[in-house]
Amino acid sequence: MADAAFLALAVITIGSAIAALELRSLIYGSIALMGTLGGIAGFFILLDSTFVALFQLAVYVGSIAVLILFTVMLVKRELIFKKIEDNRRRFAGIALMLVIMIGLGAVFLDSGIKEMTTDEPQVDFREIGSDFVTYYWPALILMGLILAGSVTGALVLARREDVEENGQRAS
């Protein structure tokens, strides 16, 4: 059963990685990259490393969400949000979503995740969190400052472009 889950995660991860490289739209490429990183988190879950998987989702997928925010703020809004009305695309998207959801549900139900038990003792997440905050607090503060500075820089750049487009003097 774990082999089926591994194969499904491998297909999702590799397919998302290829899509992230090949898509021309920055938004869709970033979403595909989020799928790739989510697949890697799934591999960590298969390895019984739930803490690392949740850390992967929180840090890397969260960082990609910030990347999407930067993309939306720095690229001209007209180029991103051009809406093309086509009912065939809508129905194709709904059909693809249903196929993916049914496939993932079948893999999940067939994987036997509830049946998996190990003889090893449970991991104490409080101890891991305590060690992380005790020994690595300078890195956490530095990462927080870097992310705050990059968000502030993106806001300043987006505001400057907006002021220049409206014909006012940028300061």
N, C-alpha and C. Protein backbone atom coordinates (compact mmCIF):
# COMPACT_ATOMS: atom_id res chain seq x y z
N MET A 1 0.81 -1.19 0.00
CA MET A 1 0.00 0.00 0.00
C MET A 1 0.86 1.26 0.00
N ALA A 2 1.98 1.19 0.71
CA ALA A 2 2.87 2.35 0.75
C ALA A 2 3.49 2.60 -0.62
N ASP A 3 3.63 1.52 -1.41
CA ASP A 3 4.18 1.69 -2.75
C ASP A 3 3.24 2.50 -3.63
N ALA A 4 1.93 2.28 -3.50
CA ALA A 4 0.96 3.04 -4.29
C ALA A 4 0.98 4.51 -3.88
N ALA A 5 1.07 4.77 -2.58
CA ALA A 5 1.14 6.16 -2.11
C ALA A 5 2.43 6.82 -2.59
N PHE A 6 3.54 6.07 -2.55
CA PHE A 6 4.80 6.61 -3.03
C PHE A 6 4.74 6.94 -4.51
N LEU A 7 4.18 6.03 -5.31
CA LEU A 7 4.08 6.28 -6.75
C LEU A 7 3.18 7.47 -7.04
N ALA A 8 2.07 7.58 -6.32
CA ALA A 8 1.17 8.72 -6.53
C ALA A 8 1.87 10.03 -6.17
N LEU A 9 2.58 10.05 -5.05
CA LEU A 9 3.32 11.26 -4.67
C LEU A 9 4.42 11.58 -5.67
N ALA A 10 5.09 10.54 -6.18
CA ALA A 10 6.14 10.77 -7.16
C ALA A 10 5.59 11.39 -8.43
N VAL A 11 4.45 10.87 -8.89
CA VAL A 11 3.83 11.42 -10.11
C VAL A 11 3.42 12.87 -9.88
N ILE A 12 2.79 13.14 -8.73
CA ILE A 12 2.35 14.50 -8.42
C ILE A 12 3.54 15.45 -8.32
N THR A 13 4.58 15.02 -7.62
CA THR A 13 5.74 15.88 -7.41
C THR A 13 6.48 16.15 -8.71
N ILE A 14 6.72 15.12 -9.48
CA ILE A 14 7.45 15.31 -10.73
C ILE A 14 6.60 16.09 -11.74
N GLY A 15 5.32 15.77 -11.81
CA GLY A 15 4.44 16.52 -12.72
C GLY A 15 4.36 17.99 -12.36
N SER A 16 4.25 18.28 -11.07
CA SER A 16 4.21 19.68 -10.63
C SER A 16 5.53 20.39 -10.91
N ALA A 17 6.64 19.68 -10.73
CA ALA A 17 7.94 20.29 -11.01
C ALA A 17 8.09 20.62 -12.49
N ILE A 18 7.66 19.71 -13.35
CA ILE A 18 7.72 19.99 -14.78
C ILE A 18 6.81 21.15 -15.14
N ALA A 19 5.61 21.18 -14.55
CA ALA A 19 4.68 22.28 -14.82
C ALA A 19 5.26 23.60 -14.32
N ALA A 20 5.93 23.59 -13.17
CA ALA A 20 6.54 24.83 -12.65
C ALA A 20 7.61 25.35 -13.59
N LEU A 21 8.31 24.46 -14.25
CA LEU A 21 9.35 24.89 -15.18
C LEU A 21 8.80 25.33 -16.53
N GLU A 22 7.72 24.71 -16.97
CA GLU A 22 7.24 24.94 -18.33
C GLU A 22 6.17 26.01 -18.46
N LEU A 23 5.43 26.30 -17.40
CA LEU A 23 4.35 27.27 -17.52
C LEU A 23 4.90 28.68 -17.69
N ARG A 24 4.30 29.44 -18.57
CA ARG A 24 4.76 30.80 -18.83
C ARG A 24 4.22 31.80 -17.80
N SER A 25 3.08 31.52 -17.22
CA SER A 25 2.49 32.41 -16.23
C SER A 25 3.18 32.25 -14.89
N LEU A 26 3.58 33.35 -14.30
CA LEU A 26 4.25 33.28 -13.00
C LEU A 26 3.33 32.76 -11.91
N ILE A 27 2.07 33.12 -11.98
CA ILE A 27 1.12 32.67 -10.96
C ILE A 27 0.96 31.17 -11.03
N TYR A 28 0.70 30.63 -12.21
CA TYR A 28 0.51 29.19 -12.34
C TYR A 28 1.80 28.43 -12.05
N GLY A 29 2.93 28.98 -12.44
CA GLY A 29 4.21 28.36 -12.11
C GLY A 29 4.46 28.30 -10.62
N SER A 30 4.10 29.35 -9.91
CA SER A 30 4.25 29.36 -8.46
C SER A 30 3.31 28.36 -7.80
N ILE A 31 2.09 28.25 -8.31
CA ILE A 31 1.15 27.27 -7.76
C ILE A 31 1.66 25.85 -8.02
N ALA A 32 2.24 25.60 -9.19
CA ALA A 32 2.81 24.28 -9.47
C ALA A 32 4.00 24.01 -8.55
N LEU A 33 4.78 25.03 -8.26
CA LEU A 33 5.89 24.86 -7.32
C LEU A 33 5.38 24.53 -5.92
N MET A 34 4.24 25.12 -5.55
CA MET A 34 3.63 24.76 -4.27
C MET A 34 3.22 23.28 -4.28
N GLY A 35 2.72 22.79 -5.39
CA GLY A 35 2.38 21.37 -5.50
C GLY A 35 3.60 20.48 -5.36
N THR A 36 4.71 20.90 -5.95
CA THR A 36 5.95 20.14 -5.83
C THR A 36 6.41 20.06 -4.39
N LEU A 37 6.41 21.20 -3.71
CA LEU A 37 6.84 21.22 -2.32
C LEU A 37 5.86 20.46 -1.42
N GLY A 38 4.57 20.50 -1.75
CA GLY A 38 3.61 19.69 -1.01
C GLY A 38 3.84 18.20 -1.21
N GLY A 39 4.23 17.81 -2.41
CA GLY A 39 4.57 16.40 -2.66
C GLY A 39 5.78 15.96 -1.87
N ILE A 40 6.75 16.84 -1.74
CA ILE A 40 7.93 16.52 -0.93
C ILE A 40 7.52 16.36 0.54
N ALA A 41 6.60 17.20 0.99
CA ALA A 41 6.07 17.03 2.36
C ALA A 41 5.37 15.68 2.49
N GLY A 42 4.69 15.24 1.44
CA GLY A 42 4.07 13.91 1.46
C GLY A 42 5.10 12.80 1.60
N PHE A 43 6.26 12.95 0.95
CA PHE A 43 7.33 11.97 1.13
C PHE A 43 7.80 11.91 2.58
N PHE A 44 7.89 13.07 3.23
CA PHE A 44 8.26 13.08 4.64
C PHE A 44 7.22 12.38 5.50
N ILE A 45 5.94 12.52 5.15
CA ILE A 45 4.89 11.82 5.89
C ILE A 45 5.04 10.31 5.70
N LEU A 46 5.38 9.86 4.49
CA LEU A 46 5.60 8.44 4.27
C LEU A 46 6.78 7.92 5.07
N LEU A 47 7.73 8.79 5.37
CA LEU A 47 8.89 8.40 6.18
C LEU A 47 8.63 8.56 7.67
N ASP A 48 7.37 8.80 8.05
CA ASP A 48 6.98 9.00 9.45
C ASP A 48 7.69 10.18 10.09
N SER A 49 7.93 11.23 9.33
CA SER A 49 8.53 12.46 9.84
C SER A 49 7.50 13.58 9.72
N THR A 50 6.48 13.50 10.55
CA THR A 50 5.39 14.47 10.42
C THR A 50 5.83 15.87 10.79
N PHE A 51 6.76 15.99 11.74
CA PHE A 51 7.23 17.33 12.11
C PHE A 51 7.94 18.00 10.94
N VAL A 52 8.80 17.25 10.27
CA VAL A 52 9.52 17.81 9.11
C VAL A 52 8.54 18.12 7.99
N ALA A 53 7.52 17.27 7.82
CA ALA A 53 6.51 17.52 6.78
C ALA A 53 5.74 18.80 7.06
N LEU A 54 5.33 18.98 8.30
CA LEU A 54 4.60 20.21 8.65
C LEU A 54 5.50 21.43 8.54
N PHE A 55 6.76 21.28 8.90
CA PHE A 55 7.72 22.38 8.75
C PHE A 55 7.90 22.71 7.27
N GLN A 56 7.97 21.69 6.44
CA GLN A 56 8.08 21.88 4.98
C GLN A 56 6.87 22.65 4.46
N LEU A 57 5.69 22.26 4.89
CA LEU A 57 4.48 22.95 4.43
C LEU A 57 4.44 24.39 4.94
N ALA A 58 4.79 24.58 6.19
CA ALA A 58 4.69 25.92 6.77
C ALA A 58 5.71 26.87 6.17
N VAL A 59 6.96 26.42 6.06
CA VAL A 59 8.03 27.32 5.62
C VAL A 59 8.06 27.45 4.10
N TYR A 60 8.19 26.33 3.41
CA TYR A 60 8.41 26.42 1.97
C TYR A 60 7.13 26.76 1.21
N VAL A 61 6.03 26.09 1.52
CA VAL A 61 4.79 26.41 0.81
C VAL A 61 4.33 27.80 1.22
N GLY A 62 4.52 28.17 2.49
CA GLY A 62 4.20 29.53 2.93
C GLY A 62 5.06 30.56 2.23
N SER A 63 6.33 30.23 2.01
CA SER A 63 7.22 31.16 1.30
C SER A 63 6.80 31.31 -0.15
N ILE A 64 6.32 30.24 -0.74
CA ILE A 64 5.85 30.33 -2.12
C ILE A 64 4.60 31.20 -2.18
N ALA A 65 3.76 31.13 -1.14
CA ALA A 65 2.60 32.02 -1.11
C ALA A 65 3.05 33.48 -1.07
N VAL A 66 4.14 33.77 -0.35
CA VAL A 66 4.69 35.13 -0.34
C VAL A 66 5.24 35.47 -1.72
N LEU A 67 5.83 34.51 -2.40
CA LEU A 67 6.32 34.74 -3.76
C LEU A 67 5.18 35.11 -4.69
N ILE A 68 4.04 34.44 -4.55
CA ILE A 68 2.86 34.78 -5.36
C ILE A 68 2.43 36.21 -5.05
N LEU A 69 2.45 36.58 -3.78
CA LEU A 69 2.10 37.95 -3.41
C LEU A 69 3.04 38.95 -4.08
N PHE A 70 4.34 38.67 -4.06
CA PHE A 70 5.30 39.56 -4.73
C PHE A 70 5.01 39.65 -6.21
N THR A 71 4.70 38.50 -6.82
CA THR A 71 4.44 38.49 -8.26
C THR A 71 3.23 39.35 -8.59
N VAL A 72 2.18 39.21 -7.80
CA VAL A 72 0.98 39.99 -8.06
C VAL A 72 1.26 41.47 -7.86
N MET A 73 2.09 41.80 -6.87
CA MET A 73 2.34 43.21 -6.57
C MET A 73 3.31 43.85 -7.56
N LEU A 74 4.26 43.09 -8.08
CA LEU A 74 5.30 43.70 -8.90
C LEU A 74 5.02 43.65 -10.40
N VAL A 75 4.19 42.72 -10.83
CA VAL A 75 3.89 42.62 -12.25
C VAL A 75 2.61 43.42 -12.51
N LYS A 76 2.52 43.98 -13.66
CA LYS A 76 1.34 44.78 -13.99
C LYS A 76 0.07 43.95 -13.85
N ARG A 77 -0.90 44.51 -13.17
CA ARG A 77 -2.12 43.78 -12.86
C ARG A 77 -2.92 43.43 -14.12
N GLU A 78 -2.82 44.23 -15.15
CA GLU A 78 -3.59 43.94 -16.35
C GLU A 78 -3.11 42.65 -17.02
N LEU A 79 -1.83 42.36 -16.93
CA LEU A 79 -1.31 41.17 -17.57
C LEU A 79 -1.68 39.90 -16.83
N ILE A 80 -1.87 39.99 -15.52
CA ILE A 80 -2.16 38.80 -14.72
C ILE A 80 -3.64 38.45 -14.78
N PHE A 81 -4.48 39.47 -14.67
CA PHE A 81 -5.89 39.22 -14.48
C PHE A 81 -6.72 39.38 -15.75
N LYS A 82 -6.13 39.17 -16.92
CA LYS A 82 -6.92 39.19 -18.14
C LYS A 82 -7.82 37.97 -18.12
N LYS A 83 -9.10 38.21 -18.20
CA LYS A 83 -10.06 37.14 -18.06
C LYS A 83 -10.52 36.71 -19.45
N ILE A 84 -10.37 35.43 -19.73
CA ILE A 84 -10.81 34.88 -20.99
C ILE A 84 -12.01 33.99 -20.69
N GLU A 85 -13.18 34.40 -21.16
CA GLU A 85 -14.40 33.64 -20.93
C GLU A 85 -14.50 32.53 -21.97
N ASP A 86 -14.45 31.31 -21.50
CA ASP A 86 -14.59 30.17 -22.40
C ASP A 86 -15.19 29.03 -21.58
N ASN A 87 -16.41 28.63 -21.93
CA ASN A 87 -17.09 27.59 -21.16
C ASN A 87 -16.39 26.24 -21.28
N ARG A 88 -15.74 25.98 -22.41
CA ARG A 88 -15.02 24.71 -22.55
C ARG A 88 -13.89 24.61 -21.54
N ARG A 89 -13.17 25.72 -21.32
CA ARG A 89 -12.09 25.72 -20.33
C ARG A 89 -12.63 25.48 -18.92
N ARG A 90 -13.76 26.10 -18.62
CA ARG A 90 -14.35 25.94 -17.30
C ARG A 90 -14.74 24.48 -17.06
N PHE A 91 -15.41 23.85 -18.03
CA PHE A 91 -15.83 22.46 -17.86
C PHE A 91 -14.63 21.52 -17.85
N ALA A 92 -13.62 21.82 -18.64
CA ALA A 92 -12.40 21.00 -18.64
C ALA A 92 -11.70 21.10 -17.28
N GLY A 93 -11.68 22.29 -16.71
CA GLY A 93 -11.07 22.46 -15.39
C GLY A 93 -11.83 21.72 -14.31
N ILE A 94 -13.16 21.77 -14.37
CA ILE A 94 -13.97 21.05 -13.39
C ILE A 94 -13.76 19.55 -13.54
N ALA A 95 -13.72 19.06 -14.77
CA ALA A 95 -13.52 17.63 -15.00
C ALA A 95 -12.14 17.19 -14.50
N LEU A 96 -11.12 17.99 -14.79
CA LEU A 96 -9.78 17.66 -14.33
C LEU A 96 -9.71 17.66 -12.80
N MET A 97 -10.37 18.62 -12.17
CA MET A 97 -10.39 18.67 -10.71
C MET A 97 -11.05 17.42 -10.14
N LEU A 98 -12.17 17.00 -10.72
CA LEU A 98 -12.85 15.80 -10.23
C LEU A 98 -11.99 14.55 -10.40
N VAL A 99 -11.32 14.43 -11.54
CA VAL A 99 -10.46 13.27 -11.77
C VAL A 99 -9.33 13.25 -10.74
N ILE A 100 -8.71 14.38 -10.50
CA ILE A 100 -7.61 14.44 -9.54
C ILE A 100 -8.11 14.13 -8.13
N MET A 101 -9.26 14.69 -7.75
CA MET A 101 -9.78 14.44 -6.40
C MET A 101 -10.16 12.97 -6.22
N ILE A 102 -10.78 12.36 -7.22
CA ILE A 102 -11.15 10.95 -7.11
C ILE A 102 -9.89 10.08 -7.07
N GLY A 103 -8.90 10.42 -7.88
CA GLY A 103 -7.65 9.67 -7.87
C GLY A 103 -6.92 9.77 -6.55
N LEU A 104 -6.83 10.99 -6.01
CA LEU A 104 -6.17 11.15 -4.72
C LEU A 104 -6.95 10.47 -3.60
N GLY A 105 -8.27 10.54 -3.66
CA GLY A 105 -9.09 9.86 -2.66
C GLY A 105 -8.90 8.35 -2.71
N ALA A 106 -8.85 7.80 -3.92
CA ALA A 106 -8.64 6.36 -4.05
C ALA A 106 -7.27 5.95 -3.52
N VAL A 107 -6.25 6.75 -3.81
CA VAL A 107 -4.91 6.45 -3.30
C VAL A 107 -4.89 6.54 -1.78
N PHE A 108 -5.55 7.56 -1.24
CA PHE A 108 -5.58 7.72 0.22
C PHE A 108 -6.31 6.57 0.89
N LEU A 109 -7.47 6.19 0.36
CA LEU A 109 -8.22 5.10 0.97
C LEU A 109 -7.52 3.76 0.81
N ASP A 110 -6.80 3.58 -0.28
CA ASP A 110 -6.11 2.32 -0.54
C ASP A 110 -4.76 2.24 0.16
N SER A 111 -4.26 3.36 0.68
CA SER A 111 -2.92 3.37 1.24
C SER A 111 -2.83 2.72 2.61
N GLY A 112 -3.95 2.63 3.34
CA GLY A 112 -3.91 2.01 4.66
C GLY A 112 -3.19 2.86 5.68
N ILE A 113 -3.34 4.14 5.60
CA ILE A 113 -2.62 5.04 6.51
C ILE A 113 -3.04 4.78 7.96
N LYS A 114 -4.32 4.47 8.19
CA LYS A 114 -4.79 4.23 9.55
C LYS A 114 -4.20 2.96 10.13
N GLU A 115 -3.82 2.02 9.28
CA GLU A 115 -3.31 0.74 9.75
C GLU A 115 -1.83 0.78 10.11
N MET A 116 -1.12 1.80 9.66
CA MET A 116 0.32 1.84 9.88
C MET A 116 0.62 2.15 11.34
N THR A 117 1.36 1.25 11.97
CA THR A 117 1.82 1.47 13.34
C THR A 117 3.29 1.09 13.40
N THR A 118 4.00 1.71 14.29
CA THR A 118 5.41 1.42 14.48
C THR A 118 5.64 1.07 15.94
N ASP A 119 6.73 0.36 16.19
CA ASP A 119 7.10 -0.01 17.55
C ASP A 119 7.93 1.06 18.23
N GLU A 120 8.30 2.08 17.49
CA GLU A 120 9.13 3.14 18.05
C GLU A 120 8.29 4.06 18.93
N PRO A 121 8.93 4.69 19.93
CA PRO A 121 8.17 5.60 20.80
C PRO A 121 7.73 6.85 20.04
N GLN A 122 6.67 7.47 20.54
CA GLN A 122 6.16 8.68 19.93
C GLN A 122 7.18 9.81 20.05
N VAL A 123 7.20 10.68 19.06
CA VAL A 123 8.09 11.83 19.08
C VAL A 123 7.44 12.93 19.92
N ASP A 124 8.22 13.52 20.80
CA ASP A 124 7.70 14.60 21.63
C ASP A 124 7.96 15.92 20.90
N PHE A 125 6.92 16.50 20.34
CA PHE A 125 7.06 17.71 19.54
C PHE A 125 7.40 18.91 20.41
N ARG A 126 7.00 18.87 21.67
CA ARG A 126 7.34 19.99 22.56
C ARG A 126 8.86 20.05 22.76
N GLU A 127 9.48 18.91 22.85
CA GLU A 127 10.94 18.87 23.01
C GLU A 127 11.64 19.39 21.75
N ILE A 128 11.14 19.00 20.59
CA ILE A 128 11.72 19.48 19.33
C ILE A 128 11.54 20.99 19.22
N GLY A 129 10.34 21.48 19.52
CA GLY A 129 10.09 22.92 19.46
C GLY A 129 10.94 23.68 20.46
N SER A 130 11.10 23.12 21.66
CA SER A 130 11.92 23.77 22.68
C SER A 130 13.38 23.85 22.23
N ASP A 131 13.90 22.76 21.69
CA ASP A 131 15.28 22.78 21.18
C ASP A 131 15.43 23.77 20.04
N PHE A 132 14.42 23.82 19.17
CA PHE A 132 14.48 24.71 18.01
C PHE A 132 14.54 26.17 18.45
N VAL A 133 13.69 26.53 19.40
CA VAL A 133 13.65 27.92 19.86
C VAL A 133 14.85 28.24 20.74
N THR A 134 15.35 27.26 21.49
CA THR A 134 16.48 27.50 22.39
C THR A 134 17.79 27.68 21.64
N TYR A 135 18.05 26.80 20.67
CA TYR A 135 19.36 26.82 20.02
C TYR A 135 19.39 27.60 18.70
N TYR A 136 18.26 27.75 18.06
CA TYR A 136 18.25 28.35 16.72
C TYR A 136 17.47 29.67 16.67
N TRP A 137 17.30 30.34 17.79
CA TRP A 137 16.53 31.58 17.80
C TRP A 137 17.17 32.69 16.97
N PRO A 138 18.51 32.80 16.87
CA PRO A 138 19.03 33.87 16.00
C PRO A 138 18.64 33.69 14.54
N ALA A 139 18.64 32.45 14.06
CA ALA A 139 18.26 32.19 12.67
C ALA A 139 16.78 32.51 12.45
N LEU A 140 15.93 32.20 13.43
CA LEU A 140 14.51 32.51 13.31
C LEU A 140 14.27 34.01 13.24
N ILE A 141 14.96 34.75 14.08
CA ILE A 141 14.80 36.21 14.07
C ILE A 141 15.32 36.80 12.77
N LEU A 142 16.45 36.30 12.29
CA LEU A 142 17.02 36.79 11.02
C LEU A 142 16.08 36.49 9.85
N MET A 143 15.50 35.29 9.82
CA MET A 143 14.55 34.96 8.73
C MET A 143 13.32 35.85 8.80
N GLY A 144 12.83 36.11 10.01
CA GLY A 144 11.67 37.00 10.15
C GLY A 144 11.97 38.40 9.67
N LEU A 145 13.17 38.92 10.00
CA LEU A 145 13.54 40.26 9.56
C LEU A 145 13.72 40.32 8.04
N ILE A 146 14.30 39.29 7.47
CA ILE A 146 14.48 39.27 6.01
C ILE A 146 13.13 39.24 5.31
N LEU A 147 12.20 38.39 5.79
CA LEU A 147 10.87 38.34 5.17
C LEU A 147 10.13 39.66 5.34
N ALA A 148 10.24 40.28 6.52
CA ALA A 148 9.56 41.57 6.74
C ALA A 148 10.16 42.64 5.83
N GLY A 149 11.47 42.64 5.67
CA GLY A 149 12.12 43.61 4.78
C GLY A 149 11.74 43.39 3.33
N SER A 150 11.61 42.14 2.90
CA SER A 150 11.26 41.90 1.50
C SER A 150 9.80 42.27 1.23
N VAL A 151 8.90 42.04 2.19
CA VAL A 151 7.52 42.46 2.01
C VAL A 151 7.44 43.98 1.95
N THR A 152 8.18 44.66 2.82
CA THR A 152 8.20 46.13 2.81
C THR A 152 8.77 46.65 1.49
N GLY A 153 9.83 46.04 1.00
CA GLY A 153 10.40 46.45 -0.28
C GLY A 153 9.44 46.25 -1.43
N ALA A 154 8.70 45.14 -1.43
CA ALA A 154 7.71 44.90 -2.48
C ALA A 154 6.60 45.94 -2.43
N LEU A 155 6.18 46.30 -1.23
CA LEU A 155 5.14 47.33 -1.11
C LEU A 155 5.64 48.67 -1.63
N VAL A 156 6.88 49.02 -1.31
CA VAL A 156 7.43 50.30 -1.79
C VAL A 156 7.55 50.29 -3.30
N LEU A 157 8.04 49.20 -3.88
CA LEU A 157 8.18 49.13 -5.34
C LEU A 157 6.81 49.17 -6.02
N ALA A 158 5.83 48.48 -5.48
CA ALA A 158 4.50 48.49 -6.08
C ALA A 158 3.88 49.88 -5.99
N ARG A 159 4.07 50.55 -4.89
CA ARG A 159 3.53 51.90 -4.74
C ARG A 159 4.22 52.86 -5.70
N ARG A 160 5.53 52.72 -5.86
CA ARG A 160 6.28 53.60 -6.76
C ARG A 160 5.80 53.42 -8.20
N GLU A 161 5.57 52.17 -8.64
CA GLU A 161 5.08 51.93 -10.00
C GLU A 161 3.68 52.51 -10.17
N ASP A 162 2.85 52.39 -9.15
CA ASP A 162 1.49 52.90 -9.22
C ASP A 162 1.50 54.42 -9.34
N VAL A 163 2.38 55.09 -8.60
CA VAL A 163 2.47 56.55 -8.65
C VAL A 163 2.98 56.99 -10.02
N GLU A 164 3.96 56.27 -10.57
CA GLU A 164 4.50 56.64 -11.88
C GLU A 164 3.46 56.43 -12.98
N GLU A 165 2.61 55.40 -12.87
CA GLU A 165 1.59 55.15 -13.89
C GLU A 165 0.51 56.22 -13.88
N ASN A 166 0.22 56.80 -12.72
CA ASN A 166 -0.82 57.81 -12.62
C ASN A 166 -0.31 59.19 -13.03
N GLY A 167 0.96 59.31 -13.38
CA GLY A 167 1.49 60.57 -13.87
C GLY A 167 1.93 61.50 -12.75
N GLN A 168 1.93 61.06 -11.53
CA GLN A 168 2.40 61.90 -10.43
C GLN A 168 3.89 61.69 -10.26
N ARG A 169 4.49 62.61 -9.57
CA ARG A 169 5.93 62.54 -9.34
C ARG A 169 6.22 61.48 -8.28
N ALA A 170 7.12 60.53 -8.59
CA ALA A 170 7.51 59.50 -7.63
C ALA A 170 8.58 60.06 -6.71
N SER A 171 8.44 59.78 -5.44
CA SER A 171 9.45 60.27 -4.50
C SER A 171 10.28 59.15 -3.97
